[in-house]
N, C-alpha and C. Protein backbone atom coordinates (compact mmCIF):
# COMPACT_ATOMS: atom_id res chain seq x y z
N MET A 1 0.84 -1.17 0.00
CA MET A 1 0.00 0.00 0.00
C MET A 1 0.89 1.23 0.00
N ASN A 2 0.70 2.09 -1.00
CA ASN A 2 1.48 3.32 -1.12
C ASN A 2 0.72 4.46 -0.47
N GLU A 3 1.37 5.19 0.41
CA GLU A 3 0.76 6.36 1.02
C GLU A 3 1.39 7.60 0.41
N MET A 4 0.59 8.62 0.24
CA MET A 4 1.09 9.87 -0.31
C MET A 4 1.90 10.59 0.77
N PRO A 5 3.11 10.99 0.46
CA PRO A 5 3.89 11.71 1.46
C PRO A 5 3.30 13.10 1.69
N LEU A 6 3.48 13.61 2.90
CA LEU A 6 3.01 14.94 3.21
C LEU A 6 3.86 16.01 2.55
N HIS A 7 5.09 15.69 2.25
CA HIS A 7 6.00 16.64 1.62
C HIS A 7 6.40 16.09 0.26
N SER A 8 6.61 16.99 -0.66
CA SER A 8 7.08 16.52 -1.95
C SER A 8 8.55 16.13 -1.81
N GLU A 9 9.03 15.44 -2.78
CA GLU A 9 10.41 14.96 -2.72
C GLU A 9 11.42 16.10 -2.80
N SER A 10 10.97 17.27 -3.26
CA SER A 10 11.90 18.39 -3.35
C SER A 10 12.10 19.04 -1.99
N GLY A 11 11.37 18.58 -0.97
CA GLY A 11 11.52 19.13 0.36
C GLY A 11 10.66 20.35 0.62
N CYS A 12 9.81 20.71 -0.33
CA CYS A 12 8.92 21.86 -0.13
C CYS A 12 7.81 21.50 0.84
N ARG A 13 7.40 22.49 1.58
CA ARG A 13 6.29 22.28 2.50
C ARG A 13 4.98 22.43 1.74
N PRO A 14 3.95 21.77 2.21
CA PRO A 14 2.65 21.92 1.54
C PRO A 14 2.15 23.36 1.67
N GLU A 15 1.26 23.74 0.75
CA GLU A 15 0.71 25.08 0.80
C GLU A 15 -0.06 25.29 2.09
N THR A 16 -0.01 26.49 2.59
CA THR A 16 -0.73 26.83 3.81
C THR A 16 -2.21 26.94 3.48
N VAL A 17 -3.02 26.34 4.30
CA VAL A 17 -4.47 26.42 4.13
C VAL A 17 -4.96 27.57 4.99
N THR A 18 -5.65 28.50 4.38
CA THR A 18 -6.19 29.63 5.12
C THR A 18 -7.70 29.55 5.12
N GLU A 19 -8.28 30.02 6.18
CA GLU A 19 -9.74 30.07 6.25
C GLU A 19 -10.19 31.42 5.73
N GLU A 20 -11.20 31.40 4.89
CA GLU A 20 -11.74 32.63 4.36
C GLU A 20 -12.90 33.08 5.23
N TYR A 21 -13.00 34.37 5.43
CA TYR A 21 -14.11 34.94 6.17
C TYR A 21 -15.20 35.28 5.17
N ILE A 22 -16.36 34.71 5.37
CA ILE A 22 -17.49 35.00 4.50
C ILE A 22 -18.47 35.84 5.30
N ALA A 23 -18.66 37.05 4.85
CA ALA A 23 -19.54 37.98 5.56
C ALA A 23 -20.99 37.55 5.43
N GLU A 24 -21.73 37.74 6.49
CA GLU A 24 -23.16 37.50 6.44
C GLU A 24 -23.79 38.54 5.51
N PRO A 25 -24.85 38.16 4.79
CA PRO A 25 -25.48 39.16 3.91
C PRO A 25 -26.12 40.27 4.74
N ARG A 26 -26.10 41.46 4.19
CA ARG A 26 -26.78 42.57 4.86
C ARG A 26 -28.27 42.28 4.88
N LEU A 27 -28.94 42.74 5.91
CA LEU A 27 -30.36 42.47 6.06
C LEU A 27 -31.17 43.75 5.86
N PHE A 28 -32.35 43.55 5.30
CA PHE A 28 -33.26 44.65 5.00
C PHE A 28 -34.64 44.31 5.53
N GLN A 29 -35.30 45.32 6.06
CA GLN A 29 -36.68 45.09 6.51
C GLN A 29 -37.65 45.58 5.45
N VAL A 30 -38.71 44.82 5.29
CA VAL A 30 -39.77 45.22 4.37
C VAL A 30 -40.83 45.92 5.21
N LEU A 31 -41.13 47.15 4.83
CA LEU A 31 -42.09 47.96 5.56
C LEU A 31 -43.39 48.08 4.77
N LEU A 32 -44.50 47.93 5.46
CA LEU A 32 -45.82 48.19 4.88
C LEU A 32 -46.28 49.55 5.38
N HIS A 33 -46.85 50.36 4.49
CA HIS A 33 -47.27 51.71 4.85
C HIS A 33 -48.80 51.79 4.82
N ASN A 34 -49.33 52.52 5.76
CA ASN A 34 -50.77 52.70 5.87
C ASN A 34 -51.28 53.61 4.76
N ASP A 35 -52.49 53.35 4.30
CA ASP A 35 -53.18 54.24 3.38
C ASP A 35 -54.67 54.18 3.72
N ASP A 36 -55.44 55.03 3.10
CA ASP A 36 -56.86 55.11 3.43
C ASP A 36 -57.74 54.19 2.59
N TYR A 37 -57.15 53.37 1.74
CA TYR A 37 -57.95 52.57 0.82
C TYR A 37 -57.75 51.07 0.94
N THR A 38 -56.54 50.63 1.22
CA THR A 38 -56.28 49.19 1.32
C THR A 38 -56.94 48.66 2.58
N THR A 39 -57.74 47.61 2.43
CA THR A 39 -58.47 47.08 3.58
C THR A 39 -57.54 46.32 4.52
N MET A 40 -57.95 46.28 5.78
CA MET A 40 -57.19 45.54 6.79
C MET A 40 -57.14 44.07 6.43
N GLU A 41 -58.23 43.54 5.91
CA GLU A 41 -58.29 42.13 5.53
C GLU A 41 -57.29 41.81 4.43
N PHE A 42 -57.16 42.73 3.47
CA PHE A 42 -56.21 42.51 2.38
C PHE A 42 -54.77 42.53 2.90
N VAL A 43 -54.47 43.44 3.82
CA VAL A 43 -53.12 43.50 4.40
C VAL A 43 -52.80 42.20 5.14
N VAL A 44 -53.76 41.69 5.90
CA VAL A 44 -53.56 40.41 6.60
C VAL A 44 -53.32 39.30 5.58
N ASP A 45 -54.10 39.29 4.50
CA ASP A 45 -53.94 38.28 3.46
C ASP A 45 -52.54 38.35 2.82
N ILE A 46 -52.07 39.55 2.52
CA ILE A 46 -50.73 39.73 1.93
C ILE A 46 -49.66 39.22 2.91
N LEU A 47 -49.81 39.57 4.17
CA LEU A 47 -48.82 39.13 5.17
C LEU A 47 -48.78 37.61 5.28
N MET A 48 -49.91 36.97 5.15
CA MET A 48 -49.95 35.51 5.23
C MET A 48 -49.44 34.87 3.94
N ARG A 49 -49.85 35.38 2.78
CA ARG A 49 -49.50 34.77 1.49
C ARG A 49 -48.06 35.07 1.07
N VAL A 50 -47.64 36.30 1.19
CA VAL A 50 -46.34 36.71 0.68
C VAL A 50 -45.24 36.57 1.74
N PHE A 51 -45.58 36.93 2.97
CA PHE A 51 -44.56 36.96 4.03
C PHE A 51 -44.65 35.76 4.97
N HIS A 52 -45.56 34.85 4.70
CA HIS A 52 -45.71 33.59 5.43
C HIS A 52 -45.88 33.79 6.94
N LYS A 53 -46.69 34.76 7.30
CA LYS A 53 -47.00 35.01 8.71
C LYS A 53 -48.24 34.20 9.09
N SER A 54 -48.33 33.84 10.36
CA SER A 54 -49.54 33.19 10.85
C SER A 54 -50.65 34.25 10.91
N ALA A 55 -51.87 33.81 11.09
CA ALA A 55 -52.99 34.76 11.17
C ALA A 55 -52.80 35.73 12.33
N ASP A 56 -52.33 35.23 13.47
CA ASP A 56 -52.11 36.11 14.63
C ASP A 56 -50.98 37.11 14.36
N GLN A 57 -49.88 36.65 13.78
CA GLN A 57 -48.77 37.54 13.45
C GLN A 57 -49.20 38.59 12.43
N ALA A 58 -49.92 38.16 11.41
CA ALA A 58 -50.37 39.07 10.36
C ALA A 58 -51.30 40.13 10.93
N THR A 59 -52.18 39.74 11.81
CA THR A 59 -53.11 40.69 12.43
C THR A 59 -52.36 41.71 13.27
N ALA A 60 -51.36 41.25 14.03
CA ALA A 60 -50.58 42.16 14.87
C ALA A 60 -49.81 43.17 14.01
N ILE A 61 -49.23 42.71 12.91
CA ILE A 61 -48.49 43.61 12.02
C ILE A 61 -49.45 44.60 11.36
N MET A 62 -50.59 44.11 10.91
CA MET A 62 -51.59 44.97 10.28
C MET A 62 -52.04 46.07 11.25
N LEU A 63 -52.24 45.71 12.52
CA LEU A 63 -52.65 46.71 13.51
C LEU A 63 -51.55 47.73 13.74
N SER A 64 -50.31 47.30 13.70
CA SER A 64 -49.18 48.22 13.83
C SER A 64 -49.16 49.20 12.66
N VAL A 65 -49.39 48.69 11.46
CA VAL A 65 -49.46 49.55 10.28
C VAL A 65 -50.59 50.56 10.45
N HIS A 66 -51.74 50.08 10.89
CA HIS A 66 -52.92 50.94 11.04
C HIS A 66 -52.70 52.02 12.10
N LYS A 67 -52.12 51.65 13.23
CA LYS A 67 -51.95 52.59 14.34
C LYS A 67 -50.74 53.50 14.18
N ASN A 68 -49.65 52.96 13.67
CA ASN A 68 -48.39 53.72 13.61
C ASN A 68 -48.05 54.25 12.23
N GLY A 69 -48.82 53.86 11.22
CA GLY A 69 -48.56 54.32 9.87
C GLY A 69 -47.60 53.44 9.09
N VAL A 70 -46.89 52.56 9.79
CA VAL A 70 -45.93 51.67 9.15
C VAL A 70 -45.74 50.45 10.05
N GLY A 71 -45.41 49.32 9.42
CA GLY A 71 -45.14 48.10 10.17
C GLY A 71 -44.14 47.24 9.43
N VAL A 72 -43.39 46.45 10.17
CA VAL A 72 -42.37 45.58 9.58
C VAL A 72 -42.99 44.25 9.21
N ALA A 73 -42.98 43.94 7.91
CA ALA A 73 -43.52 42.67 7.43
C ALA A 73 -42.52 41.54 7.59
N GLY A 74 -41.22 41.86 7.54
CA GLY A 74 -40.20 40.84 7.69
C GLY A 74 -38.82 41.40 7.44
N VAL A 75 -37.80 40.59 7.74
CA VAL A 75 -36.41 40.98 7.56
C VAL A 75 -35.73 39.91 6.71
N TYR A 76 -35.08 40.35 5.62
CA TYR A 76 -34.53 39.41 4.64
C TYR A 76 -33.26 39.98 4.00
N PRO A 77 -32.49 39.12 3.34
CA PRO A 77 -31.44 39.64 2.45
C PRO A 77 -32.11 40.46 1.34
N TYR A 78 -31.35 41.36 0.71
CA TYR A 78 -31.94 42.31 -0.23
C TYR A 78 -32.75 41.65 -1.34
N GLU A 79 -32.22 40.64 -1.99
CA GLU A 79 -32.91 40.03 -3.14
C GLU A 79 -34.24 39.42 -2.71
N VAL A 80 -34.28 38.82 -1.54
CA VAL A 80 -35.53 38.23 -1.05
C VAL A 80 -36.52 39.34 -0.73
N ALA A 81 -36.06 40.39 -0.07
CA ALA A 81 -36.93 41.52 0.27
C ALA A 81 -37.51 42.15 -0.99
N GLU A 82 -36.67 42.33 -1.98
CA GLU A 82 -37.10 42.92 -3.26
C GLU A 82 -38.18 42.06 -3.92
N THR A 83 -37.99 40.77 -3.92
CA THR A 83 -38.96 39.85 -4.53
C THR A 83 -40.29 39.91 -3.79
N LYS A 84 -40.24 39.96 -2.47
CA LYS A 84 -41.48 40.01 -1.68
C LYS A 84 -42.23 41.32 -1.91
N VAL A 85 -41.50 42.42 -2.02
CA VAL A 85 -42.13 43.71 -2.30
C VAL A 85 -42.79 43.68 -3.67
N GLU A 86 -42.10 43.16 -4.66
CA GLU A 86 -42.68 43.08 -6.01
C GLU A 86 -43.94 42.23 -6.02
N ARG A 87 -43.91 41.09 -5.31
CA ARG A 87 -45.09 40.21 -5.24
C ARG A 87 -46.26 40.90 -4.55
N ALA A 88 -45.98 41.57 -3.44
CA ALA A 88 -47.04 42.28 -2.71
C ALA A 88 -47.63 43.39 -3.56
N HIS A 89 -46.78 44.15 -4.25
CA HIS A 89 -47.28 45.22 -5.13
C HIS A 89 -48.11 44.65 -6.27
N HIS A 90 -47.68 43.54 -6.84
CA HIS A 90 -48.42 42.91 -7.93
C HIS A 90 -49.82 42.50 -7.46
N LEU A 91 -49.90 41.82 -6.32
CA LEU A 91 -51.20 41.38 -5.79
C LEU A 91 -52.08 42.58 -5.44
N ALA A 92 -51.48 43.63 -4.90
CA ALA A 92 -52.25 44.82 -4.55
C ALA A 92 -52.81 45.49 -5.80
N ARG A 93 -52.02 45.59 -6.84
CA ARG A 93 -52.50 46.21 -8.08
C ARG A 93 -53.62 45.38 -8.71
N GLU A 94 -53.47 44.05 -8.66
CA GLU A 94 -54.54 43.19 -9.17
C GLU A 94 -55.85 43.42 -8.43
N ALA A 95 -55.75 43.65 -7.13
CA ALA A 95 -56.95 43.89 -6.30
C ALA A 95 -57.35 45.36 -6.27
N GLU A 96 -56.62 46.18 -7.03
CA GLU A 96 -56.87 47.62 -7.13
C GLU A 96 -56.72 48.35 -5.80
N PHE A 97 -55.68 47.97 -5.05
CA PHE A 97 -55.34 48.65 -3.81
C PHE A 97 -54.01 49.37 -4.00
N PRO A 98 -53.84 50.53 -3.35
CA PRO A 98 -52.59 51.27 -3.48
C PRO A 98 -51.54 50.89 -2.41
N LEU A 99 -51.58 49.68 -1.92
CA LEU A 99 -50.65 49.25 -0.87
C LEU A 99 -49.22 49.59 -1.26
N ARG A 100 -48.49 50.17 -0.32
CA ARG A 100 -47.10 50.55 -0.58
C ARG A 100 -46.19 49.81 0.38
N CYS A 101 -45.18 49.16 -0.17
CA CYS A 101 -44.16 48.47 0.60
C CYS A 101 -42.82 49.08 0.22
N THR A 102 -41.95 49.23 1.20
CA THR A 102 -40.61 49.74 0.93
C THR A 102 -39.59 48.84 1.62
N ILE A 103 -38.33 49.02 1.21
CA ILE A 103 -37.22 48.24 1.78
C ILE A 103 -36.29 49.22 2.48
N GLN A 104 -35.89 48.85 3.69
CA GLN A 104 -34.97 49.69 4.46
C GLN A 104 -33.87 48.82 5.04
N GLU A 105 -32.62 49.24 4.83
CA GLU A 105 -31.50 48.47 5.36
C GLU A 105 -31.47 48.59 6.87
N ILE A 106 -31.12 47.48 7.51
CA ILE A 106 -31.00 47.47 8.96
C ILE A 106 -29.57 47.82 9.32
N ASP A 107 -29.38 48.81 10.15
CA ASP A 107 -28.04 49.18 10.59
C ASP A 107 -27.58 48.20 11.65
N VAL A 108 -26.41 47.60 11.40
CA VAL A 108 -25.88 46.64 12.36
C VAL A 108 -24.63 47.19 12.99
């Protein structure tokens, strides 16, 4: 049985293995904004369908939007947040609601 030597025959040492640091992706929050036309039921539906919130979570977020003018639908890497905003806007336009969602970077 032949084993591979750790060193080459020329006496050179093996290459140094370094660990690379991979940064975590930056996170962005998707914000829902209150308006006078989009129904509370539709906002709850969007939160459940697009943002995968439970009925209780969706209701709590919807109430935050209603009372405070804005609420956090979720926190995601940018590409995911962008896709969710596009999907929510598409569904809102189909239902003829002016629902507005925005993306805001989270300062870490």
